[in-house]
Amino acid sequence: KVDCNMGSKFKVTSLKADTKYGIVASDLENLMDKGCQKLQLSREGCRVCLFEDGTEVDAEYFSRLKDNCKLIILEQGQKWNGEIRYYLKEILHEYDNSSDELITTAKSMLSEEIRPKKRKLLQYFVEDSTENITAENRDDDQKWFEGLNPRFKTKSDYMSFSCGRRMRNYLAEVKNHADKLEGNMKRKYCVFVKEIER
């Protein structure tokens, strides 16, 4: 950090702004004053959050922020869930308007050298985007049913079976937990299990 007498450097933005502005602030109040002035926001009711994940910044937390930390100043009533969620919403909005172009771009990126996690994410996106989600029957979407028992004729049949299997597994775990209890607590727990089995 820079000299504490001068303050630290930050990048601030708002929900209305199209860019981030660099400011130097010595404390949270100083940052709020400068940030609101730069972003042309009314100071009343504003609060500061991390741009990355939406964590609200108070005076104590401010002292632990690093130089060039990205912050967002929210006006009264506004919410911020973080940078990843924001950009994901932007991508989904763009997908609604130009899905074919976005899928084409994702496919072209798969031919480039990218990190495994990014490649996996792009593969999921391309596969889901090209999936025949409106088809319900096996005959209409045979690829979706690959590897599944032939007795499943519709997607709903399989999803219902899968959900039931998960619920039975959860219930088995709940029953097994009774072995760890003793006395009156165990009796009450067993009554509870019987109730949810109905």
N, C-alpha and C. Protein backbone atom coordinates (compact mmCIF):
# COMPACT_ATOMS: atom_id res chain seq x y z
N LYS A 1 0.83 -1.20 0.00
CA LYS A 1 0.00 0.00 0.00
C LYS A 1 0.87 1.26 0.00
N VAL A 2 0.27 2.34 -0.43
CA VAL A 2 1.01 3.60 -0.41
C VAL A 2 1.00 4.16 1.00
N ASP A 3 1.67 5.27 1.18
CA ASP A 3 1.76 5.91 2.48
C ASP A 3 0.36 6.10 3.07
N CYS A 4 0.17 5.64 4.34
CA CYS A 4 -1.16 5.69 4.95
C CYS A 4 -1.68 7.11 5.09
N ASN A 5 -0.75 8.11 5.07
CA ASN A 5 -1.19 9.50 5.15
C ASN A 5 -1.87 9.93 3.85
N MET A 6 -1.52 9.31 2.77
CA MET A 6 -2.12 9.64 1.48
C MET A 6 -3.32 8.77 1.19
N GLY A 7 -3.28 7.52 1.65
CA GLY A 7 -4.37 6.60 1.38
C GLY A 7 -3.94 5.50 0.44
N SER A 8 -4.88 4.66 0.08
CA SER A 8 -4.64 3.54 -0.83
C SER A 8 -5.40 3.75 -2.12
N LYS A 9 -4.95 3.05 -3.16
CA LYS A 9 -5.58 3.19 -4.48
C LYS A 9 -6.69 2.16 -4.64
N PHE A 10 -7.80 2.59 -5.22
CA PHE A 10 -8.93 1.70 -5.45
C PHE A 10 -9.53 1.97 -6.83
N LYS A 11 -10.26 0.98 -7.34
CA LYS A 11 -11.03 1.16 -8.56
C LYS A 11 -12.49 1.01 -8.20
N VAL A 12 -13.27 2.05 -8.47
CA VAL A 12 -14.67 2.04 -8.06
C VAL A 12 -15.59 2.14 -9.27
N THR A 13 -16.75 1.56 -9.12
CA THR A 13 -17.77 1.64 -10.16
C THR A 13 -19.14 1.60 -9.49
N SER A 14 -20.18 1.66 -10.30
CA SER A 14 -21.55 1.55 -9.78
C SER A 14 -22.37 0.77 -10.79
N LEU A 15 -23.61 0.48 -10.46
CA LEU A 15 -24.47 -0.25 -11.37
C LEU A 15 -24.79 0.57 -12.61
N LYS A 16 -24.68 1.89 -12.50
CA LYS A 16 -25.00 2.77 -13.63
C LYS A 16 -23.78 3.06 -14.50
N ALA A 17 -22.60 2.88 -13.95
CA ALA A 17 -21.37 3.25 -14.66
C ALA A 17 -20.97 2.21 -15.69
N ASP A 18 -20.33 2.67 -16.76
CA ASP A 18 -19.84 1.78 -17.80
C ASP A 18 -18.36 1.46 -17.64
N THR A 19 -17.72 2.07 -16.66
CA THR A 19 -16.29 1.86 -16.47
C THR A 19 -15.95 1.94 -14.99
N LYS A 20 -14.68 1.68 -14.66
CA LYS A 20 -14.20 1.80 -13.28
C LYS A 20 -13.28 3.00 -13.19
N TYR A 21 -13.35 3.72 -12.08
CA TYR A 21 -12.54 4.92 -11.88
C TYR A 21 -11.53 4.70 -10.76
N GLY A 22 -10.32 5.18 -10.96
CA GLY A 22 -9.29 5.07 -9.95
C GLY A 22 -9.35 6.24 -8.98
N ILE A 23 -9.36 5.95 -7.70
CA ILE A 23 -9.33 7.00 -6.68
C ILE A 23 -8.38 6.57 -5.56
N VAL A 24 -7.92 7.55 -4.77
CA VAL A 24 -7.10 7.29 -3.60
C VAL A 24 -7.89 7.71 -2.38
N ALA A 25 -8.01 6.83 -1.40
CA ALA A 25 -8.81 7.13 -0.20
C ALA A 25 -8.09 6.65 1.03
N SER A 26 -8.23 7.39 2.11
CA SER A 26 -7.55 7.06 3.36
C SER A 26 -8.42 6.23 4.31
N ASP A 27 -9.73 6.32 4.16
CA ASP A 27 -10.64 5.52 4.98
C ASP A 27 -11.96 5.34 4.21
N LEU A 28 -12.88 4.61 4.81
CA LEU A 28 -14.12 4.27 4.12
C LEU A 28 -14.95 5.51 3.80
N GLU A 29 -15.03 6.43 4.75
CA GLU A 29 -15.82 7.65 4.53
C GLU A 29 -15.22 8.48 3.40
N ASN A 30 -13.90 8.54 3.38
CA ASN A 30 -13.20 9.28 2.34
C ASN A 30 -13.46 8.65 0.97
N LEU A 31 -13.45 7.32 0.94
CA LEU A 31 -13.72 6.62 -0.30
C LEU A 31 -15.15 6.85 -0.78
N MET A 32 -16.09 6.83 0.18
CA MET A 32 -17.49 7.06 -0.17
C MET A 32 -17.69 8.46 -0.76
N ASP A 33 -17.05 9.43 -0.14
CA ASP A 33 -17.18 10.82 -0.61
C ASP A 33 -16.62 10.97 -2.02
N LYS A 34 -15.40 10.49 -2.21
CA LYS A 34 -14.74 10.62 -3.52
C LYS A 34 -15.43 9.76 -4.58
N GLY A 35 -15.80 8.53 -4.18
CA GLY A 35 -16.43 7.63 -5.12
C GLY A 35 -17.78 8.14 -5.60
N CYS A 36 -18.60 8.62 -4.68
CA CYS A 36 -19.91 9.13 -5.05
C CYS A 36 -19.79 10.37 -5.93
N GLN A 37 -18.80 11.19 -5.64
CA GLN A 37 -18.57 12.38 -6.46
C GLN A 37 -18.15 11.99 -7.87
N LYS A 38 -17.23 11.03 -7.97
CA LYS A 38 -16.74 10.60 -9.27
C LYS A 38 -17.84 9.92 -10.09
N LEU A 39 -18.67 9.13 -9.41
CA LEU A 39 -19.72 8.36 -10.08
C LEU A 39 -21.04 9.13 -10.17
N GLN A 40 -21.04 10.35 -9.63
CA GLN A 40 -22.23 11.19 -9.65
C GLN A 40 -23.42 10.51 -8.98
N LEU A 41 -23.16 10.03 -7.76
CA LEU A 41 -24.20 9.37 -6.97
C LEU A 41 -24.52 10.22 -5.74
N SER A 42 -25.74 10.10 -5.27
CA SER A 42 -26.11 10.75 -4.02
C SER A 42 -25.49 9.98 -2.87
N ARG A 43 -24.81 10.66 -1.97
CA ARG A 43 -24.07 10.00 -0.88
C ARG A 43 -25.00 9.28 0.09
N GLU A 44 -26.19 9.77 0.28
CA GLU A 44 -27.11 9.23 1.28
C GLU A 44 -27.55 7.80 0.94
N GLY A 45 -27.39 6.90 1.92
CA GLY A 45 -27.86 5.53 1.75
C GLY A 45 -26.93 4.62 0.98
N CYS A 46 -25.78 5.14 0.54
CA CYS A 46 -24.86 4.32 -0.25
C CYS A 46 -24.03 3.39 0.64
N ARG A 47 -23.57 2.31 0.06
CA ARG A 47 -22.67 1.38 0.76
C ARG A 47 -21.67 0.82 -0.24
N VAL A 48 -20.56 0.31 0.27
CA VAL A 48 -19.47 -0.19 -0.57
C VAL A 48 -19.37 -1.70 -0.45
N CYS A 49 -19.22 -2.38 -1.58
CA CYS A 49 -19.06 -3.84 -1.60
C CYS A 49 -17.88 -4.20 -2.50
N LEU A 50 -17.31 -5.38 -2.26
CA LEU A 50 -16.28 -5.90 -3.16
C LEU A 50 -16.93 -6.22 -4.50
N PHE A 51 -16.28 -5.78 -5.58
CA PHE A 51 -16.81 -6.06 -6.91
C PHE A 51 -16.76 -7.56 -7.19
N GLU A 52 -15.76 -8.23 -6.60
CA GLU A 52 -15.53 -9.64 -6.88
C GLU A 52 -16.66 -10.54 -6.42
N ASP A 53 -17.11 -10.38 -5.16
CA ASP A 53 -18.09 -11.33 -4.64
C ASP A 53 -19.25 -10.69 -3.88
N GLY A 54 -19.29 -9.36 -3.81
CA GLY A 54 -20.41 -8.69 -3.17
C GLY A 54 -20.30 -8.50 -1.67
N THR A 55 -19.15 -8.89 -1.08
CA THR A 55 -18.98 -8.70 0.36
C THR A 55 -19.04 -7.23 0.72
N GLU A 56 -19.87 -6.89 1.71
CA GLU A 56 -19.99 -5.48 2.11
C GLU A 56 -18.76 -5.05 2.91
N VAL A 57 -18.27 -3.87 2.64
CA VAL A 57 -17.06 -3.35 3.27
C VAL A 57 -17.42 -2.36 4.37
N ASP A 58 -16.99 -2.65 5.60
CA ASP A 58 -17.17 -1.70 6.70
C ASP A 58 -15.82 -1.06 7.01
N ALA A 59 -15.79 -0.19 8.01
CA ALA A 59 -14.57 0.56 8.33
C ALA A 59 -13.41 -0.36 8.70
N GLU A 60 -13.70 -1.42 9.44
CA GLU A 60 -12.65 -2.36 9.86
C GLU A 60 -12.12 -3.14 8.67
N TYR A 61 -13.02 -3.63 7.82
CA TYR A 61 -12.61 -4.41 6.67
C TYR A 61 -11.84 -3.57 5.66
N PHE A 62 -12.18 -2.29 5.60
CA PHE A 62 -11.51 -1.37 4.67
C PHE A 62 -10.00 -1.37 4.87
N SER A 63 -9.56 -1.43 6.14
CA SER A 63 -8.13 -1.36 6.45
C SER A 63 -7.35 -2.57 5.91
N ARG A 64 -8.07 -3.66 5.53
CA ARG A 64 -7.40 -4.86 5.04
C ARG A 64 -7.44 -4.97 3.52
N LEU A 65 -8.04 -4.00 2.85
CA LEU A 65 -8.14 -4.06 1.39
C LEU A 65 -6.79 -3.78 0.75
N LYS A 66 -6.52 -4.47 -0.35
CA LYS A 66 -5.26 -4.30 -1.06
C LYS A 66 -5.34 -3.16 -2.06
N ASP A 67 -4.18 -2.67 -2.48
CA ASP A 67 -4.13 -1.64 -3.52
C ASP A 67 -4.82 -2.12 -4.79
N ASN A 68 -5.49 -1.20 -5.46
CA ASN A 68 -6.19 -1.46 -6.72
C ASN A 68 -7.34 -2.46 -6.58
N CYS A 69 -7.83 -2.61 -5.35
CA CYS A 69 -8.98 -3.47 -5.11
C CYS A 69 -10.19 -2.89 -5.85
N LYS A 70 -10.96 -3.75 -6.49
CA LYS A 70 -12.13 -3.30 -7.24
C LYS A 70 -13.35 -3.28 -6.31
N LEU A 71 -14.00 -2.13 -6.27
CA LEU A 71 -15.15 -1.94 -5.39
C LEU A 71 -16.35 -1.43 -6.18
N ILE A 72 -17.53 -1.68 -5.66
CA ILE A 72 -18.75 -1.14 -6.28
C ILE A 72 -19.53 -0.40 -5.21
N ILE A 73 -19.97 0.80 -5.55
CA ILE A 73 -20.77 1.61 -4.62
C ILE A 73 -22.24 1.44 -5.00
N LEU A 74 -23.00 0.94 -4.06
CA LEU A 74 -24.42 0.68 -4.30
C LEU A 74 -25.28 1.76 -3.67
N GLU A 75 -26.28 2.18 -4.40
CA GLU A 75 -27.24 3.13 -3.87
C GLU A 75 -28.27 2.37 -3.03
N GLN A 76 -29.05 3.11 -2.27
CA GLN A 76 -30.03 2.49 -1.38
C GLN A 76 -30.97 1.56 -2.16
N GLY A 77 -31.11 0.31 -1.66
CA GLY A 77 -32.01 -0.65 -2.29
C GLY A 77 -31.37 -1.50 -3.35
N GLN A 78 -30.16 -1.16 -3.80
CA GLN A 78 -29.49 -1.94 -4.84
C GLN A 78 -28.76 -3.14 -4.24
N LYS A 79 -28.62 -4.21 -5.04
CA LYS A 79 -27.94 -5.42 -4.60
C LYS A 79 -26.84 -5.79 -5.60
N TRP A 80 -25.82 -6.46 -5.10
CA TRP A 80 -24.72 -6.91 -5.96
C TRP A 80 -24.26 -8.27 -5.49
N ASN A 81 -24.30 -9.29 -6.37
CA ASN A 81 -23.94 -10.65 -5.99
C ASN A 81 -22.54 -11.06 -6.44
N GLY A 82 -21.83 -10.15 -7.06
CA GLY A 82 -20.47 -10.46 -7.44
C GLY A 82 -20.20 -10.41 -8.92
N GLU A 83 -18.91 -10.35 -9.24
CA GLU A 83 -18.45 -10.16 -10.61
C GLU A 83 -18.83 -11.32 -11.52
N ILE A 84 -18.64 -12.55 -11.05
CA ILE A 84 -18.92 -13.72 -11.89
C ILE A 84 -20.40 -13.77 -12.26
N ARG A 85 -21.26 -13.54 -11.27
CA ARG A 85 -22.71 -13.55 -11.52
C ARG A 85 -23.09 -12.46 -12.51
N TYR A 86 -22.45 -11.29 -12.37
CA TYR A 86 -22.74 -10.17 -13.26
C TYR A 86 -22.41 -10.52 -14.72
N TYR A 87 -21.21 -11.02 -14.94
CA TYR A 87 -20.80 -11.34 -16.31
C TYR A 87 -21.59 -12.53 -16.87
N LEU A 88 -21.97 -13.46 -15.98
CA LEU A 88 -22.78 -14.59 -16.44
C LEU A 88 -24.15 -14.10 -16.91
N LYS A 89 -24.73 -13.16 -16.18
CA LYS A 89 -26.01 -12.59 -16.60
C LYS A 89 -25.88 -11.86 -17.93
N GLU A 90 -24.75 -11.17 -18.11
CA GLU A 90 -24.52 -10.48 -19.38
C GLU A 90 -24.43 -11.48 -20.54
N ILE A 91 -23.75 -12.61 -20.29
CA ILE A 91 -23.62 -13.63 -21.32
C ILE A 91 -24.99 -14.23 -21.66
N LEU A 92 -25.78 -14.51 -20.62
CA LEU A 92 -27.11 -15.09 -20.85
C LEU A 92 -28.01 -14.11 -21.60
N HIS A 93 -27.88 -12.84 -21.29
CA HIS A 93 -28.65 -11.82 -22.00
C HIS A 93 -28.25 -11.80 -23.48
N GLU A 94 -26.94 -11.89 -23.71
CA GLU A 94 -26.43 -11.90 -25.08
C GLU A 94 -26.88 -13.18 -25.80
N TYR A 95 -26.96 -14.27 -25.03
CA TYR A 95 -27.38 -15.55 -25.61
C TYR A 95 -28.82 -15.48 -26.12
N ASP A 96 -29.67 -14.77 -25.38
CA ASP A 96 -31.06 -14.61 -25.80
C ASP A 96 -31.15 -13.88 -27.13
N ASN A 97 -30.23 -12.93 -27.35
CA ASN A 97 -30.30 -12.08 -28.54
C ASN A 97 -29.54 -12.66 -29.73
N SER A 98 -28.48 -13.40 -29.47
CA SER A 98 -27.68 -13.93 -30.59
C SER A 98 -27.06 -15.26 -30.20
N SER A 99 -27.90 -16.26 -29.96
CA SER A 99 -27.42 -17.56 -29.47
C SER A 99 -26.52 -18.25 -30.48
N ASP A 100 -26.86 -18.21 -31.76
CA ASP A 100 -26.05 -18.91 -32.77
C ASP A 100 -24.62 -18.36 -32.82
N GLU A 101 -24.50 -17.04 -32.75
CA GLU A 101 -23.17 -16.41 -32.80
C GLU A 101 -22.36 -16.79 -31.57
N LEU A 102 -23.02 -16.84 -30.41
CA LEU A 102 -22.32 -17.17 -29.17
C LEU A 102 -21.84 -18.62 -29.18
N ILE A 103 -22.67 -19.52 -29.69
CA ILE A 103 -22.29 -20.93 -29.78
C ILE A 103 -21.12 -21.11 -30.75
N THR A 104 -21.17 -20.39 -31.87
CA THR A 104 -20.08 -20.46 -32.85
C THR A 104 -18.76 -19.98 -32.24
N THR A 105 -18.83 -18.90 -31.47
CA THR A 105 -17.64 -18.37 -30.81
C THR A 105 -17.09 -19.38 -29.80
N ALA A 106 -17.98 -20.01 -29.03
CA ALA A 106 -17.55 -21.00 -28.03
C ALA A 106 -16.88 -22.19 -28.71
N LYS A 107 -17.44 -22.63 -29.84
CA LYS A 107 -16.86 -23.76 -30.57
C LYS A 107 -15.46 -23.42 -31.10
N SER A 108 -15.30 -22.19 -31.58
CA SER A 108 -13.99 -21.78 -32.11
C SER A 108 -12.95 -21.70 -30.99
N MET A 109 -13.38 -21.31 -29.80
CA MET A 109 -12.46 -21.22 -28.66
C MET A 109 -11.99 -22.60 -28.23
N LEU A 110 -12.82 -23.63 -28.47
CA LEU A 110 -12.42 -24.99 -28.10
C LEU A 110 -11.25 -25.49 -28.93
N SER A 111 -11.04 -24.88 -30.09
CA SER A 111 -9.92 -25.28 -30.95
C SER A 111 -8.62 -24.59 -30.54
N GLU A 112 -8.71 -23.66 -29.60
CA GLU A 112 -7.53 -22.94 -29.13
C GLU A 112 -6.92 -23.63 -27.91
N GLU A 113 -5.73 -23.21 -27.53
CA GLU A 113 -5.09 -23.76 -26.33
C GLU A 113 -5.60 -23.00 -25.11
N ILE A 114 -6.46 -23.65 -24.35
CA ILE A 114 -7.02 -23.01 -23.15
C ILE A 114 -6.91 -23.98 -21.97
N ARG A 115 -7.04 -23.45 -20.78
CA ARG A 115 -6.90 -24.26 -19.58
C ARG A 115 -8.03 -25.30 -19.50
N PRO A 116 -7.74 -26.46 -18.88
CA PRO A 116 -8.72 -27.56 -18.81
C PRO A 116 -10.07 -27.15 -18.24
N LYS A 117 -10.08 -26.33 -17.17
CA LYS A 117 -11.35 -25.94 -16.55
C LYS A 117 -12.19 -25.09 -17.51
N LYS A 118 -11.52 -24.19 -18.23
CA LYS A 118 -12.23 -23.36 -19.20
C LYS A 118 -12.75 -24.21 -20.35
N ARG A 119 -11.95 -25.17 -20.78
CA ARG A 119 -12.37 -26.06 -21.87
C ARG A 119 -13.60 -26.86 -21.44
N LYS A 120 -13.58 -27.36 -20.21
CA LYS A 120 -14.70 -28.14 -19.71
C LYS A 120 -15.97 -27.30 -19.68
N LEU A 121 -15.85 -26.06 -19.22
CA LEU A 121 -17.00 -25.17 -19.14
C LEU A 121 -17.56 -24.87 -20.52
N LEU A 122 -16.67 -24.62 -21.49
CA LEU A 122 -17.11 -24.36 -22.86
C LEU A 122 -17.79 -25.58 -23.47
N GLN A 123 -17.25 -26.76 -23.17
CA GLN A 123 -17.85 -27.99 -23.68
C GLN A 123 -19.26 -28.18 -23.13
N TYR A 124 -19.44 -27.92 -21.84
CA TYR A 124 -20.77 -28.01 -21.24
C TYR A 124 -21.73 -27.04 -21.91
N PHE A 125 -21.24 -25.81 -22.14
CA PHE A 125 -22.08 -24.78 -22.74
C PHE A 125 -22.52 -25.18 -24.15
N VAL A 126 -21.57 -25.64 -24.96
CA VAL A 126 -21.89 -26.03 -26.34
C VAL A 126 -22.84 -27.22 -26.37
N GLU A 127 -22.57 -28.20 -25.51
CA GLU A 127 -23.42 -29.39 -25.49
C GLU A 127 -24.84 -29.05 -25.05
N ASP A 128 -24.96 -28.24 -24.00
CA ASP A 128 -26.29 -27.87 -23.50
C ASP A 128 -27.03 -27.00 -24.50
N SER A 129 -26.31 -26.13 -25.20
CA SER A 129 -26.94 -25.22 -26.13
C SER A 129 -27.47 -25.94 -27.37
N THR A 130 -26.82 -27.03 -27.73
CA THR A 130 -27.24 -27.76 -28.93
C THR A 130 -28.15 -28.93 -28.58
N GLU A 131 -28.45 -29.08 -27.30
CA GLU A 131 -29.31 -30.19 -26.87
C GLU A 131 -30.75 -29.93 -27.26
N ASN A 132 -31.46 -31.01 -27.60
CA ASN A 132 -32.87 -30.92 -27.99
C ASN A 132 -33.74 -30.91 -26.74
N ILE A 133 -33.82 -29.76 -26.08
CA ILE A 133 -34.49 -29.69 -24.78
C ILE A 133 -36.00 -29.80 -24.87
N THR A 134 -36.58 -29.57 -26.03
CA THR A 134 -38.03 -29.64 -26.15
C THR A 134 -38.52 -31.07 -26.34
N ALA A 135 -37.61 -31.99 -26.71
CA ALA A 135 -38.01 -33.39 -26.93
C ALA A 135 -38.19 -34.09 -25.60
N GLU A 136 -39.25 -34.90 -25.50
CA GLU A 136 -39.55 -35.62 -24.27
C GLU A 136 -39.38 -37.13 -24.45
N ASN A 137 -39.69 -37.65 -25.61
CA ASN A 137 -39.67 -39.09 -25.85
C ASN A 137 -38.31 -39.59 -26.34
N ARG A 138 -38.03 -40.86 -26.08
CA ARG A 138 -36.78 -41.49 -26.49
C ARG A 138 -36.56 -41.39 -28.00
N ASP A 139 -37.61 -41.62 -28.78
CA ASP A 139 -37.49 -41.60 -30.24
C ASP A 139 -37.11 -40.22 -30.77
N ASP A 140 -37.47 -39.17 -30.02
CA ASP A 140 -37.22 -37.81 -30.50
C ASP A 140 -35.85 -37.29 -30.09
N ASP A 141 -35.19 -37.94 -29.13
CA ASP A 141 -33.88 -37.48 -28.67
C ASP A 141 -33.07 -38.67 -28.18
N GLN A 142 -32.68 -39.53 -29.10
CA GLN A 142 -32.00 -40.77 -28.76
C GLN A 142 -30.65 -40.54 -28.08
N LYS A 143 -29.98 -39.44 -28.44
CA LYS A 143 -28.67 -39.14 -27.83
C LYS A 143 -28.80 -38.95 -26.32
N TRP A 144 -29.88 -38.30 -25.88
CA TRP A 144 -30.09 -38.02 -24.45
C TRP A 144 -30.23 -39.33 -23.66
N PHE A 145 -30.79 -40.36 -24.31
CA PHE A 145 -31.08 -41.62 -23.63
C PHE A 145 -29.93 -42.64 -23.73
N GLU A 146 -28.81 -42.25 -24.35
CA GLU A 146 -27.68 -43.18 -24.51
C GLU A 146 -27.20 -43.69 -23.16
N GLY A 147 -27.10 -45.02 -23.02
CA GLY A 147 -26.61 -45.62 -21.79
C GLY A 147 -27.68 -45.87 -20.75
N LEU A 148 -28.91 -45.41 -20.97
CA LEU A 148 -29.99 -45.61 -20.01
C LEU A 148 -30.77 -46.88 -20.32
N ASN A 149 -31.35 -47.45 -19.29
CA ASN A 149 -32.17 -48.66 -19.45
C ASN A 149 -33.31 -48.41 -20.44
N PRO A 150 -33.55 -49.34 -21.36
CA PRO A 150 -34.59 -49.18 -22.37
C PRO A 150 -36.00 -48.98 -21.80
N ARG A 151 -36.18 -49.32 -20.52
CA ARG A 151 -37.52 -49.17 -19.94
C ARG A 151 -37.93 -47.71 -19.78
N PHE A 152 -36.94 -46.81 -19.84
CA PHE A 152 -37.27 -45.40 -19.75
C PHE A 152 -37.64 -44.88 -21.14
N LYS A 153 -38.91 -44.57 -21.32
CA LYS A 153 -39.40 -44.15 -22.62
C LYS A 153 -39.44 -42.62 -22.76
N THR A 154 -39.49 -41.93 -21.63
CA THR A 154 -39.52 -40.46 -21.66
C THR A 154 -38.49 -39.90 -20.67
N LYS A 155 -38.13 -38.66 -20.85
CA LYS A 155 -37.19 -38.01 -19.93
C LYS A 155 -37.80 -37.89 -18.54
N SER A 156 -39.11 -37.66 -18.49
CA SER A 156 -39.78 -37.55 -17.20
C SER A 156 -39.71 -38.85 -16.42
N ASP A 157 -39.82 -39.99 -17.13
CA ASP A 157 -39.71 -41.30 -16.48
C ASP A 157 -38.37 -41.44 -15.78
N TYR A 158 -37.30 -41.09 -16.50
CA TYR A 158 -35.97 -41.24 -15.92
C TYR A 158 -35.74 -40.26 -14.79
N MET A 159 -36.16 -38.99 -14.97
CA MET A 159 -35.94 -37.98 -13.94
C MET A 159 -36.69 -38.34 -12.66
N SER A 160 -37.90 -38.91 -12.81
CA SER A 160 -38.67 -39.34 -11.65
C SER A 160 -37.97 -40.48 -10.93
N PHE A 161 -37.45 -41.44 -11.70
CA PHE A 161 -36.71 -42.56 -11.12
C PHE A 161 -35.46 -42.07 -10.41
N SER A 162 -34.72 -41.17 -11.05
CA SER A 162 -33.47 -40.65 -10.48
C SER A 162 -33.73 -39.90 -9.18
N CYS A 163 -34.80 -39.11 -9.18
CA CYS A 163 -35.15 -38.35 -7.98
C CYS A 163 -35.53 -39.29 -6.85
N GLY A 164 -36.32 -40.33 -7.17
CA GLY A 164 -36.72 -41.30 -6.15
C GLY A 164 -35.53 -42.04 -5.58
N ARG A 165 -34.57 -42.37 -6.43
CA ARG A 165 -33.37 -43.07 -5.98
C ARG A 165 -32.56 -42.20 -5.02
N ARG A 166 -32.43 -40.92 -5.34
CA ARG A 166 -31.70 -40.01 -4.45
C ARG A 166 -32.41 -39.89 -3.11
N MET A 167 -33.75 -39.81 -3.14
CA MET A 167 -34.51 -39.68 -1.90
C MET A 167 -34.35 -40.93 -1.03
N ARG A 168 -34.33 -42.12 -1.67
CA ARG A 168 -34.15 -43.36 -0.91
C ARG A 168 -32.75 -43.41 -0.28
N ASN A 169 -31.76 -42.92 -1.01
CA ASN A 169 -30.39 -42.88 -0.47
C ASN A 169 -30.31 -41.93 0.72
N TYR A 170 -30.96 -40.75 0.60
CA TYR A 170 -30.96 -39.80 1.71
C TYR A 170 -31.64 -40.40 2.94
N LEU A 171 -32.76 -41.10 2.70
CA LEU A 171 -33.50 -41.69 3.81
C LEU A 171 -32.68 -42.77 4.51
N ALA A 172 -31.92 -43.54 3.72
CA ALA A 172 -31.06 -44.57 4.30
C ALA A 172 -30.00 -43.93 5.20
N GLU A 173 -29.46 -42.80 4.77
CA GLU A 173 -28.46 -42.09 5.60
C GLU A 173 -29.08 -41.59 6.88
N VAL A 174 -30.33 -41.10 6.77
CA VAL A 174 -31.04 -40.60 7.95
C VAL A 174 -31.27 -41.74 8.95
N LYS A 175 -31.68 -42.92 8.44
CA LYS A 175 -31.91 -44.07 9.32
C LYS A 175 -30.62 -44.51 10.01
N ASN A 176 -29.52 -44.53 9.27
CA ASN A 176 -28.24 -44.97 9.83
C ASN A 176 -27.76 -44.06 10.95
N HIS A 177 -28.18 -42.79 10.90
CA HIS A 177 -27.75 -41.85 11.93
C HIS A 177 -28.32 -42.22 13.30
N ALA A 178 -29.45 -42.96 13.31
CA ALA A 178 -30.07 -43.36 14.58
C ALA A 178 -29.14 -44.23 15.41
N ASP A 179 -28.25 -44.99 14.76
CA ASP A 179 -27.32 -45.86 15.48
C ASP A 179 -26.35 -45.08 16.34
N LYS A 180 -26.17 -43.80 16.04
CA LYS A 180 -25.23 -42.97 16.79
C LYS A 180 -25.87 -42.33 18.03
N LEU A 181 -27.21 -42.49 18.15
CA LEU A 181 -27.93 -41.86 19.25
C LEU A 181 -28.25 -42.87 20.34
N GLU A 182 -28.64 -42.37 21.50
CA GLU A 182 -28.96 -43.24 22.62
C GLU A 182 -30.19 -42.75 23.36
N GLY A 183 -30.83 -43.68 24.07
CA GLY A 183 -31.92 -43.34 24.97
C GLY A 183 -33.09 -42.63 24.34
N ASN A 184 -33.59 -41.63 25.08
CA ASN A 184 -34.78 -40.89 24.66
C ASN A 184 -34.58 -40.17 23.34
N MET A 185 -33.37 -39.66 23.11
CA MET A 185 -33.07 -38.96 21.86
C MET A 185 -33.23 -39.92 20.67
N LYS A 186 -32.79 -41.17 20.85
CA LYS A 186 -32.90 -42.15 19.77
C LYS A 186 -34.35 -42.48 19.48
N ARG A 187 -35.17 -42.62 20.53
CA ARG A 187 -36.59 -42.93 20.33
C ARG A 187 -37.30 -41.80 19.57
N LYS A 188 -37.01 -40.57 19.96
CA LYS A 188 -37.62 -39.42 19.28
C LYS A 188 -37.18 -39.34 17.83
N TYR A 189 -35.92 -39.64 17.61
CA TYR A 189 -35.39 -39.60 16.23
C TYR A 189 -36.06 -40.65 15.36
N CYS A 190 -36.27 -41.85 15.91
CA CYS A 190 -36.91 -42.93 15.15
C CYS A 190 -38.36 -42.58 14.81
N VAL A 191 -39.05 -41.90 15.74
CA VAL A 191 -40.41 -41.43 15.46
C VAL A 191 -40.40 -40.44 14.30
N PHE A 192 -39.42 -39.56 14.33
CA PHE A 192 -39.28 -38.57 13.26
C PHE A 192 -39.04 -39.25 11.91
N VAL A 193 -38.18 -40.26 11.87
CA VAL A 193 -37.88 -40.97 10.64
C VAL A 193 -39.14 -41.65 10.09
N LYS A 194 -39.92 -42.26 10.97
CA LYS A 194 -41.15 -42.92 10.52
C LYS A 194 -42.13 -41.92 9.91
N GLU A 195 -42.13 -40.72 10.46
CA GLU A 195 -43.03 -39.68 9.95
C GLU A 195 -42.65 -39.28 8.52
N ILE A 196 -41.37 -39.12 8.24
CA ILE A 196 -40.96 -38.69 6.91
C ILE A 196 -41.00 -39.83 5.90
N GLU A 197 -41.11 -41.08 6.40
CA GLU A 197 -41.23 -42.21 5.49
C GLU A 197 -42.63 -42.35 4.91
N ARG A 198 -43.60 -41.72 5.55
CA ARG A 198 -44.98 -41.84 5.10
C ARG A 198 -45.19 -41.22 3.72
